[in-house]
């Protein structure tokens, strides 16, 4: 799976947790989740610990959804896709019972992101189409509508990008940025904007516009630094390193990558580490430093293997859940079919009964008329 596919998703999930719930000054859960969100990119293990503690005594479905999304986001930050997927499906099942279009929209967006992350693009698009239906039910002046609309465009941009359509992806990303700018509380969009600017930069690199790419990467770095999101800043630095690398300025590229490696040291993001190690190995090879090339090449292959194992586990779990859903749909269709058959049989019996009753009534009336005619004739 290509590196740029992964990068958008951590921020998408994170903002789902902070926006989808209603925040009030007395809502202690909101305060805890807000603090946990700030640690997701730097200490996901602690976020998971917080989330599990919150689950112990919580019964409210809407609050449980927010906690599940928090845990799912932390799982993504660690690239533990299997665990993340399980929490998403728990949130989705609860969301179905709320009949709240706001909650349905946020949870389904998270599901769409998960499918895109796993390269199940058709399932992601299918889910996005479902999201659009719920978005249409939300009022135009609602902040959440702008937020989720932006995420929808951003995710579609990621899909176009993965299909080697950078020009179309750029259009989607730029629309997403404009939609995020309509959200009153801009702090809730910084993570997303940092990621989107990173992807805008990679799109500009693909269409050979390095100056525009440099501006986009710098914008991503500035926003990431503002919110102290080390992994996002590291991703942007890695992306920016591609510009001097293309000019054969390998030491300049390595300087940026060394900053990225330092920032990502304790985060545990396998995809980020994989990308940084790969680029460092390539630059050291170009400079003829064989020892360092072999060192980082080994790190790259080891990290890639861990990531692929994690993704394989999550895909198997997704297929299992998909099969369960298919079986449930099949069972529901069978039950519906049986009800339909019984309905037809009952309707048929009623129609036959009415017909038989009408025939008897007509026969009695004819017999009565016949008797009266006989009386008239005999008189």
Foldseek 3Di string as FASTA:
>chain_A
DDLLLLLLQLLLLLLLLQPLDDDDPPPVLNVLSVVLSLCLLPCLVVQLVSLVVVVPPDDDLVSLLSSLSSNLSSCSLQLLLQSSVVSLVSSQVSLVVPPQLSSNLSSLLSVLSSCSSLVVNVVSVVSLVVSVVSLVVDDPLDLSSLQSQLSSLQNVLSVCVVVVNLVSSLVSLVSSVVSLVSRPPNVSCLSNQLSSLQSNLVSCVVVPNNVSSLVSLVSSLVSCVVSVNLQSNLSSLQSNLVVVVVVVVLVVSVVSLVSSCVSCVNSNNLSSLLSSLVSNLVSCVSVVNVVSNVVSVVVNVVSVVVSVVSSVSNVVSVVVVVVVVVVVVVVVVVVVVVVVVVVVVVVVVVVVVVVVVVVVVVVVVVVVVVVVVVVVVVD
